[in-house]
Amino acid sequence: MVVDKSETRVRRMFGQIAPRYDLLNRMLSGGTDVYWRWRTVRTVGPQGDGPILDVCTGTGDLALAYWKQAKGQCPVVGADFTHEMLCLANQKRDQAGVYSTNGSPGTVFLEADTQSLPFADDEFQIVSVAFGLRNVTDTRRGLREMTRVCRPGGKVAVLEFSEPSNPVFRRVYQSYFKHVLPRIGQLVARNQEDAYNYLPSSVTEFPHGQALADIMNECGLSDVQYQPLTFGIATLYYGTKPQLAVSQANVE
């Protein structure tokens, strides 16, 4: 059965679980999600003072990690189409005191759909997404938009769940992921959209490894590499926008 990833369903689902989203991320991953973001901002790190964009930013963890990694030298924008998530991201930023030297917010959060980003071509040195690309209704459209707004020579980074390659560990992990995690998630973050059954289903259906790397190449990126993390539970993918790339908007 194909997972329903319509914009309306995904926005409503994440709006419902927003208040418990961070708690469950830490609890269900044992805090490993913090390490995965730490690896992302160091593997695909800021170069110079160009702006950074994090799409499907949720409550802003990766955007804020990039701000910290850049030591406040790069403007960071977090974009998401779920209003409730962005309210929490703004609270988190303010509580952390993330401000520029002129007193303005160091990280700006705005409401936007990854499939139709409100930015000019070639604007950001890094365009990232953490655990959100599989929720975008049209994966290729989202990746093309991420590539479009990335500067030539810049990087697109995708941190996403994947399936472990070791067969013994994979069986144990899948049992937890498909049977234990949904029950805990639904108990803690009660919602009408069955969000924590959606999670394992969306991961199972989503391409990973070389299959996702090939899609990133297809969407205009070159030199795409990927690194499995924590026995392959998550994978970090990153590619470069070619220096002579023609804007995707002009191609289409």
C-alpha atoms as a PDB file:
ATOM      1  CA  MET A   1       0.000   0.000   0.000  1.00  0.00           C
ATOM      2  CA  VAL A   2       1.364   3.407  -1.023  1.00  0.00           C
ATOM      3  CA  VAL A   3       1.865   5.856   1.840  1.00  0.00           C
ATOM      4  CA  ASP A   4      -0.288   8.986   1.641  1.00  0.00           C
ATOM      5  CA  LYS A   5       2.231  11.862   1.372  1.00  0.00           C
ATOM      6  CA  SER A   6      -0.191  14.524   0.206  1.00  0.00           C
ATOM      7  CA  GLU A   7       0.684  18.038   1.363  1.00  0.00           C
ATOM      8  CA  THR A   8      -2.545  18.332   3.339  1.00  0.00           C
ATOM      9  CA  ARG A   9      -2.039  15.065   5.219  1.00  0.00           C
ATOM     10  CA  VAL A  10       1.664  15.693   6.008  1.00  0.00           C
ATOM     11  CA  ARG A  11       1.051  19.278   7.184  1.00  0.00           C
ATOM     12  CA  ARG A  12      -1.846  18.211   9.412  1.00  0.00           C
ATOM     13  CA  MET A  13       0.084  15.247  10.815  1.00  0.00           C
ATOM     14  CA  PHE A  14       3.164  17.245  11.811  1.00  0.00           C
ATOM     15  CA  GLY A  15       0.999  20.016  13.191  1.00  0.00           C
ATOM     16  CA  GLN A  16      -0.643  17.497  15.514  1.00  0.00           C
ATOM     17  CA  ILE A  17       2.603  15.942  16.812  1.00  0.00           C
ATOM     18  CA  ALA A  18       4.605  19.203  17.011  1.00  0.00           C
ATOM     19  CA  PRO A  19       4.349  19.634  20.830  1.00  0.00           C
ATOM     20  CA  ARG A  20       5.942  16.207  21.438  1.00  0.00           C
ATOM     21  CA  TYR A  21       8.136  16.059  18.358  1.00  0.00           C
ATOM     22  CA  ASP A  22      11.509  16.853  19.961  1.00  0.00           C
ATOM     23  CA  LEU A  23      10.851  14.666  23.005  1.00  0.00           C
ATOM     24  CA  LEU A  24      10.032  11.665  20.857  1.00  0.00           C
ATOM     25  CA  ASN A  25      12.997  12.226  18.529  1.00  0.00           C
ATOM     26  CA  ARG A  26      15.392  12.081  21.477  1.00  0.00           C
ATOM     27  CA  MET A  27      13.604   9.212  23.189  1.00  0.00           C
ATOM     28  CA  LEU A  28      13.051   6.968  20.184  1.00  0.00           C
ATOM     29  CA  SER A  29      16.574   7.468  18.794  1.00  0.00           C
ATOM     30  CA  GLY A  30      18.298   7.364  22.191  1.00  0.00           C
ATOM     31  CA  GLY A  31      19.671  10.826  21.407  1.00  0.00           C
ATOM     32  CA  THR A  32      21.478   9.533  18.312  1.00  0.00           C
ATOM     33  CA  ASP A  33      19.694  12.088  16.111  1.00  0.00           C
ATOM     34  CA  VAL A  34      21.814  14.803  17.773  1.00  0.00           C
ATOM     35  CA  TYR A  35      24.973  12.969  16.678  1.00  0.00           C
ATOM     36  CA  TRP A  36      23.660  12.555  13.143  1.00  0.00           C
ATOM     37  CA  ARG A  37      23.148  16.317  12.808  1.00  0.00           C
ATOM     38  CA  TRP A  38      26.589  16.912  14.357  1.00  0.00           C
ATOM     39  CA  ARG A  39      28.109  14.736  11.633  1.00  0.00           C
ATOM     40  CA  THR A  40      26.141  16.530   8.935  1.00  0.00           C
ATOM     41  CA  VAL A  41      27.309  20.053   9.775  1.00  0.00           C
ATOM     42  CA  ARG A  42      30.916  18.876   9.974  1.00  0.00           C
ATOM     43  CA  THR A  43      30.913  16.750   6.836  1.00  0.00           C
ATOM     44  CA  VAL A  44      29.082  19.373   4.784  1.00  0.00           C
ATOM     45  CA  GLY A  45      30.372  22.430   6.594  1.00  0.00           C
ATOM     46  CA  PRO A  46      30.092  26.153   5.835  1.00  0.00           C
ATOM     47  CA  GLN A  47      32.712  27.677   3.538  1.00  0.00           C
ATOM     48  CA  GLY A  48      32.913  31.452   3.843  1.00  0.00           C
ATOM     49  CA  ASP A  49      30.008  33.639   4.891  1.00  0.00           C
ATOM     50  CA  GLY A  50      27.375  32.660   2.318  1.00  0.00           C
ATOM     51  CA  PRO A  51      23.829  31.952   3.505  1.00  0.00           C
ATOM     52  CA  ILE A  52      22.591  28.458   4.360  1.00  0.00           C
ATOM     53  CA  LEU A  53      19.093  27.060   3.859  1.00  0.00           C
ATOM     54  CA  ASP A  54      17.567  24.151   5.780  1.00  0.00           C
ATOM     55  CA  VAL A  55      14.298  22.907   4.268  1.00  0.00           C
ATOM     56  CA  CYS A  56      11.648  20.803   6.025  1.00  0.00           C
ATOM     57  CA  THR A  57      13.337  22.307   9.076  1.00  0.00           C
ATOM     58  CA  GLY A  58      10.681  21.214  11.588  1.00  0.00           C
ATOM     59  CA  THR A  59      11.640  22.623  14.974  1.00  0.00           C
ATOM     60  CA  GLY A  60      14.911  23.937  13.574  1.00  0.00           C
ATOM     61  CA  ASP A  61      17.532  21.559  14.974  1.00  0.00           C
ATOM     62  CA  LEU A  62      19.687  21.312  11.847  1.00  0.00           C
ATOM     63  CA  ALA A  63      19.363  25.022  11.042  1.00  0.00           C
ATOM     64  CA  LEU A  64      20.536  25.897  14.552  1.00  0.00           C
ATOM     65  CA  ALA A  65      23.348  23.329  14.322  1.00  0.00           C
ATOM     66  CA  TYR A  66      24.564  25.070  11.160  1.00  0.00           C
ATOM     67  CA  TRP A  67      24.420  28.442  12.906  1.00  0.00           C
ATOM     68  CA  LYS A  68      26.564  27.056  15.710  1.00  0.00           C
ATOM     69  CA  GLN A  69      29.012  25.375  13.328  1.00  0.00           C
ATOM     70  CA  ALA A  70      29.428  28.631  11.374  1.00  0.00           C
ATOM     71  CA  LYS A  71      30.011  30.504  14.659  1.00  0.00           C
ATOM     72  CA  GLY A  72      27.329  32.995  13.660  1.00  0.00           C
ATOM     73  CA  GLN A  73      29.194  34.091  10.525  1.00  0.00           C
ATOM     74  CA  CYS A  74      26.597  32.799   8.036  1.00  0.00           C
ATOM     75  CA  PRO A  75      22.931  33.769   7.803  1.00  0.00           C
ATOM     76  CA  VAL A  76      20.804  30.628   8.206  1.00  0.00           C
ATOM     77  CA  VAL A  77      17.231  30.238   6.979  1.00  0.00           C
ATOM     78  CA  GLY A  78      14.942  27.409   8.063  1.00  0.00           C
ATOM     79  CA  ALA A  79      11.882  26.706   5.906  1.00  0.00           C
ATOM     80  CA  ASP A  80       8.919  24.441   6.629  1.00  0.00           C
ATOM     81  CA  PHE A  81       5.257  24.417   5.645  1.00  0.00           C
ATOM     82  CA  THR A  82       3.954  23.397   9.091  1.00  0.00           C
ATOM     83  CA  HIS A  83       3.146  26.498  11.140  1.00  0.00           C
ATOM     84  CA  GLU A  84       3.123  24.698  14.491  1.00  0.00           C
ATOM     85  CA  MET A  85       6.664  23.402  13.937  1.00  0.00           C
ATOM     86  CA  LEU A  86       7.950  26.872  13.055  1.00  0.00           C
ATOM     87  CA  CYS A  87       6.479  28.344  16.250  1.00  0.00           C
ATOM     88  CA  LEU A  88       8.583  25.864  18.231  1.00  0.00           C
ATOM     89  CA  ALA A  89      11.651  26.588  16.085  1.00  0.00           C
ATOM     90  CA  ASN A  90      11.348  30.298  16.858  1.00  0.00           C
ATOM     91  CA  GLN A  91      11.007  29.567  20.586  1.00  0.00           C
ATOM     92  CA  LYS A  92      14.070  27.332  20.481  1.00  0.00           C
ATOM     93  CA  ARG A  93      16.103  30.005  18.677  1.00  0.00           C
ATOM     94  CA  ASP A  94      15.097  32.714  21.135  1.00  0.00           C
ATOM     95  CA  GLN A  95      15.822  30.532  24.167  1.00  0.00           C
ATOM     96  CA  ALA A  96      19.276  29.725  22.762  1.00  0.00           C
ATOM     97  CA  GLY A  97      20.023  33.425  22.179  1.00  0.00           C
ATOM     98  CA  VAL A  98      20.818  32.933  18.499  1.00  0.00           C
ATOM     99  CA  TYR A  99      21.325  36.520  17.357  1.00  0.00           C
ATOM    100  CA  SER A 100      23.657  38.353  14.984  1.00  0.00           C
ATOM    101  CA  THR A 101      26.007  41.077  16.155  1.00  0.00           C
ATOM    102  CA  ASN A 102      23.444  43.736  15.151  1.00  0.00           C
ATOM    103  CA  GLY A 103      20.807  42.140  17.395  1.00  0.00           C
ATOM    104  CA  SER A 104      18.735  40.584  14.613  1.00  0.00           C
ATOM    105  CA  PRO A 105      17.867  36.863  14.720  1.00  0.00           C
ATOM    106  CA  GLY A 106      20.796  34.774  13.496  1.00  0.00           C
ATOM    107  CA  THR A 107      18.452  32.135  12.136  1.00  0.00           C
ATOM    108  CA  VAL A 108      15.219  33.093  10.389  1.00  0.00           C
ATOM    109  CA  PHE A 109      12.345  30.630  10.105  1.00  0.00           C
ATOM    110  CA  LEU A 110       9.692  31.016   7.441  1.00  0.00           C
ATOM    111  CA  GLU A 111       6.724  29.100   6.108  1.00  0.00           C
ATOM    112  CA  ALA A 112       7.454  27.594   2.693  1.00  0.00           C
ATOM    113  CA  ASP A 113       6.917  24.389   0.726  1.00  0.00           C
ATOM    114  CA  THR A 114      10.136  22.652  -0.367  1.00  0.00           C
ATOM    115  CA  GLN A 115       8.511  21.938  -3.724  1.00  0.00           C
ATOM    116  CA  SER A 116       8.163  25.683  -4.405  1.00  0.00           C
ATOM    117  CA  LEU A 117      10.811  27.670  -2.541  1.00  0.00           C
ATOM    118  CA  PRO A 118      10.467  31.482  -2.462  1.00  0.00           C
ATOM    119  CA  PHE A 119      14.139  32.168  -3.222  1.00  0.00           C
ATOM    120  CA  ALA A 120      16.153  33.249  -6.229  1.00  0.00           C
ATOM    121  CA  ASP A 121      18.333  30.858  -8.200  1.00  0.00           C
ATOM    122  CA  ASP A 122      21.894  30.263  -6.952  1.00  0.00           C
ATOM    123  CA  GLU A 123      21.413  31.898  -3.539  1.00  0.00           C
ATOM    124  CA  PHE A 124      22.711  29.501  -0.829  1.00  0.00           C
ATOM    125  CA  GLN A 125      26.097  27.901  -0.249  1.00  0.00           C
ATOM    126  CA  ILE A 126      24.446  24.895   1.445  1.00  0.00           C
ATOM    127  CA  VAL A 127      20.896  23.593   1.143  1.00  0.00           C
ATOM    128  CA  SER A 128      20.148  20.875   3.682  1.00  0.00           C
ATOM    129  CA  VAL A 129      17.299  18.664   4.813  1.00  0.00           C
ATOM    130  CA  ALA A 130      17.160  16.276   7.781  1.00  0.00           C
ATOM    131  CA  PHE A 131      14.555  13.503   7.924  1.00  0.00           C
ATOM    132  CA  GLY A 132      12.192  15.527   5.771  1.00  0.00           C
ATOM    133  CA  LEU A 133      12.828  14.660   2.136  1.00  0.00           C
ATOM    134  CA  ARG A 134      10.831  11.427   2.328  1.00  0.00           C
ATOM    135  CA  ASN A 135       7.821  13.516   3.477  1.00  0.00           C
ATOM    136  CA  VAL A 136       7.914  15.731   0.381  1.00  0.00           C
ATOM    137  CA  THR A 137       5.113  14.644  -1.933  1.00  0.00           C
ATOM    138  CA  ASP A 138       7.303  14.731  -5.054  1.00  0.00           C
ATOM    139  CA  THR A 139      10.884  13.820  -4.107  1.00  0.00           C
ATOM    140  CA  ARG A 140      12.399  14.889  -7.407  1.00  0.00           C
ATOM    141  CA  ARG A 141      10.577  18.200  -7.458  1.00  0.00           C
ATOM    142  CA  GLY A 142      11.861  18.925  -3.945  1.00  0.00           C
ATOM    143  CA  LEU A 143      15.440  18.022  -4.870  1.00  0.00           C
ATOM    144  CA  ARG A 144      15.291  20.127  -8.037  1.00  0.00           C
ATOM    145  CA  GLU A 145      14.153  23.111  -5.995  1.00  0.00           C
ATOM    146  CA  MET A 146      16.948  22.551  -3.468  1.00  0.00           C
ATOM    147  CA  THR A 147      19.438  22.379  -6.343  1.00  0.00           C
ATOM    148  CA  ARG A 148      17.982  25.467  -8.031  1.00  0.00           C
ATOM    149  CA  VAL A 149      18.498  27.733  -5.014  1.00  0.00           C
ATOM    150  CA  CYS A 150      21.971  26.332  -4.275  1.00  0.00           C
ATOM    151  CA  ARG A 151      24.948  28.293  -5.594  1.00  0.00           C
ATOM    152  CA  PRO A 152      27.111  26.733  -8.321  1.00  0.00           C
ATOM    153  CA  GLY A 153      29.872  24.950  -6.429  1.00  0.00           C
ATOM    154  CA  GLY A 154      27.650  24.749  -3.338  1.00  0.00           C
ATOM    155  CA  LYS A 155      26.420  21.625  -1.580  1.00  0.00           C
ATOM    156  CA  VAL A 156      23.066  19.916  -1.129  1.00  0.00           C
ATOM    157  CA  ALA A 157      22.961  17.679   1.959  1.00  0.00           C
ATOM    158  CA  VAL A 158      20.285  15.092   2.733  1.00  0.00           C
ATOM    159  CA  LEU A 159      20.178  13.316   6.097  1.00  0.00           C
ATOM    160  CA  GLU A 160      17.580  10.569   6.002  1.00  0.00           C
ATOM    161  CA  PHE A 161      16.586   7.289   7.586  1.00  0.00           C
ATOM    162  CA  SER A 162      17.681   4.153   5.751  1.00  0.00           C
ATOM    163  CA  GLU A 163      17.753   0.406   6.311  1.00  0.00           C
ATOM    164  CA  PRO A 164      20.757  -1.342   7.918  1.00  0.00           C
ATOM    165  CA  SER A 165      22.734  -3.608   5.588  1.00  0.00           C
ATOM    166  CA  ASN A 166      23.657  -6.232   8.198  1.00  0.00           C
ATOM    167  CA  PRO A 167      20.865  -8.847   7.967  1.00  0.00           C
ATOM    168  CA  VAL A 168      20.858  -9.760  11.680  1.00  0.00           C
ATOM    169  CA  PHE A 169      20.842  -6.157  12.883  1.00  0.00           C
ATOM    170  CA  ARG A 170      18.284  -5.252  10.209  1.00  0.00           C
ATOM    171  CA  ARG A 171      15.808  -7.832  11.537  1.00  0.00           C
ATOM    172  CA  VAL A 172      16.169  -6.569  15.109  1.00  0.00           C
ATOM    173  CA  TYR A 173      15.914  -2.946  14.030  1.00  0.00           C
ATOM    174  CA  GLN A 174      12.890  -3.526  11.788  1.00  0.00           C
ATOM    175  CA  SER A 175      11.083  -5.280  14.637  1.00  0.00           C
ATOM    176  CA  TYR A 176      11.639  -2.232  16.864  1.00  0.00           C
ATOM    177  CA  PHE A 177      10.926   0.260  14.091  1.00  0.00           C
ATOM    178  CA  LYS A 178       7.702  -1.331  12.892  1.00  0.00           C
ATOM    179  CA  HIS A 179       6.196  -2.633  16.143  1.00  0.00           C
ATOM    180  CA  VAL A 180       7.654  -0.906  19.222  1.00  0.00           C
ATOM    181  CA  LEU A 181       8.255   2.631  17.946  1.00  0.00           C
ATOM    182  CA  PRO A 182       4.709   3.210  16.601  1.00  0.00           C
ATOM    183  CA  ARG A 183       3.130   2.192  19.912  1.00  0.00           C
ATOM    184  CA  ILE A 184       5.386   4.455  21.974  1.00  0.00           C
ATOM    185  CA  GLY A 185       4.962   7.326  19.527  1.00  0.00           C
ATOM    186  CA  GLN A 186       1.186   7.107  19.432  1.00  0.00           C
ATOM    187  CA  LEU A 187       1.004   6.833  23.221  1.00  0.00           C
ATOM    188  CA  VAL A 188       3.144   9.930  23.820  1.00  0.00           C
ATOM    189  CA  ALA A 189       1.975  12.046  20.872  1.00  0.00           C
ATOM    190  CA  ARG A 190      -1.636  11.077  20.306  1.00  0.00           C
ATOM    191  CA  ASN A 191      -2.777  12.182  16.881  1.00  0.00           C
ATOM    192  CA  GLN A 192      -5.456  11.444  14.333  1.00  0.00           C
ATOM    193  CA  GLU A 193      -3.052  10.838  11.458  1.00  0.00           C
ATOM    194  CA  ASP A 194      -1.334   7.729  12.888  1.00  0.00           C
ATOM    195  CA  ALA A 195       2.005   9.526  12.508  1.00  0.00           C
ATOM    196  CA  TYR A 196       4.198   6.867  14.074  1.00  0.00           C
ATOM    197  CA  ASN A 197       2.873   4.135  11.808  1.00  0.00           C
ATOM    198  CA  TYR A 198       3.455   6.507   8.902  1.00  0.00           C
ATOM    199  CA  LEU A 199       7.142   6.824   9.902  1.00  0.00           C
ATOM    200  CA  PRO A 200       8.276   3.205   9.313  1.00  0.00           C
ATOM    201  CA  SER A 201       6.056   2.914   6.240  1.00  0.00           C
ATOM    202  CA  SER A 202       7.524   6.074   4.697  1.00  0.00           C
ATOM    203  CA  VAL A 203      11.089   4.886   5.394  1.00  0.00           C
ATOM    204  CA  THR A 204      10.429   1.466   3.865  1.00  0.00           C
ATOM    205  CA  GLU A 205       9.047   3.000   0.660  1.00  0.00           C
ATOM    206  CA  PHE A 206      11.723   5.700   0.322  1.00  0.00           C
ATOM    207  CA  PRO A 207      14.824   4.985  -1.814  1.00  0.00           C
ATOM    208  CA  HIS A 208      18.120   4.771   0.049  1.00  0.00           C
ATOM    209  CA  GLY A 209      21.784   4.176  -0.699  1.00  0.00           C
ATOM    210  CA  GLN A 210      22.760   4.301  -4.358  1.00  0.00           C
ATOM    211  CA  ALA A 211      19.123   4.602  -5.425  1.00  0.00           C
ATOM    212  CA  LEU A 212      18.751   7.995  -3.718  1.00  0.00           C
ATOM    213  CA  ALA A 213      22.227   9.071  -4.853  1.00  0.00           C
ATOM    214  CA  ASP A 214      21.154   8.362  -8.452  1.00  0.00           C
ATOM    215  CA  ILE A 215      18.031  10.505  -8.006  1.00  0.00           C
ATOM    216  CA  MET A 216      20.173  13.360  -6.655  1.00  0.00           C
ATOM    217  CA  ASN A 217      22.373  13.082  -9.763  1.00  0.00           C
ATOM    218  CA  GLU A 218      19.261  13.077 -11.932  1.00  0.00           C
ATOM    219  CA  CYS A 219      18.110  16.297 -10.232  1.00  0.00           C
ATOM    220  CA  GLY A 220      21.222  18.228 -11.214  1.00  0.00           C
ATOM    221  CA  LEU A 221      23.877  17.376  -8.612  1.00  0.00           C
ATOM    222  CA  SER A 222      27.308  15.925  -9.285  1.00  0.00           C
ATOM    223  CA  ASP A 223      29.847  13.972  -7.245  1.00  0.00           C
ATOM    224  CA  VAL A 224      27.091  12.603  -5.009  1.00  0.00           C
ATOM    225  CA  GLN A 225      28.431  10.638  -2.053  1.00  0.00           C
ATOM    226  CA  TYR A 226      26.769   8.949   0.892  1.00  0.00           C
ATOM    227  CA  GLN A 227      27.832   7.771   4.325  1.00  0.00           C
ATOM    228  CA  PRO A 228      25.780   5.265   6.361  1.00  0.00           C
ATOM    229  CA  LEU A 229      25.567   6.283  10.020  1.00  0.00           C
ATOM    230  CA  THR A 230      25.009   4.086  13.096  1.00  0.00           C
ATOM    231  CA  PHE A 231      24.968   0.741  11.255  1.00  0.00           C
ATOM    232  CA  GLY A 232      22.930   2.252   8.429  1.00  0.00           C
ATOM    233  CA  ILE A 233      19.939   3.420  10.491  1.00  0.00           C
ATOM    234  CA  ALA A 234      20.496   6.827   8.891  1.00  0.00           C
ATOM    235  CA  THR A 235      22.508   7.921   5.871  1.00  0.00           C
ATOM    236  CA  LEU A 236      24.051  11.264   4.962  1.00  0.00           C
ATOM    237  CA  TYR A 237      24.013  12.095   1.235  1.00  0.00           C
ATOM    238  CA  TYR A 238      25.682  15.134  -0.286  1.00  0.00           C
ATOM    239  CA  GLY A 239      26.346  16.417  -3.758  1.00  0.00           C
ATOM    240  CA  THR A 240      27.710  19.513  -5.487  1.00  0.00           C
ATOM    241  CA  LYS A 241      25.887  21.841  -7.847  1.00  0.00           C
ATOM    242  CA  PRO A 242      28.116  22.053 -10.941  1.00  0.00           C
ATOM    243  CA  GLN A 243      29.840  25.377 -11.503  1.00  0.00           C
ATOM    244  CA  LEU A 244      28.421  25.686 -15.020  1.00  0.00           C
ATOM    245  CA  ALA A 245      24.987  24.309 -14.133  1.00  0.00           C
ATOM    246  CA  VAL A 246      22.077  25.815 -16.004  1.00  0.00           C
ATOM    247  CA  SER A 247      19.311  26.956 -13.680  1.00  0.00           C
ATOM    248  CA  GLN A 248      16.685  24.243 -13.256  1.00  0.00           C
ATOM    249  CA  ALA A 249      14.008  26.882 -13.762  1.00  0.00           C
ATOM    250  CA  ASN A 250      15.410  27.506 -17.272  1.00  0.00           C
ATOM    251  CA  VAL A 251      15.689  23.794 -18.063  1.00  0.00           C
ATOM    252  CA  GLU A 252      12.035  23.274 -17.261  1.00  0.00           C
END
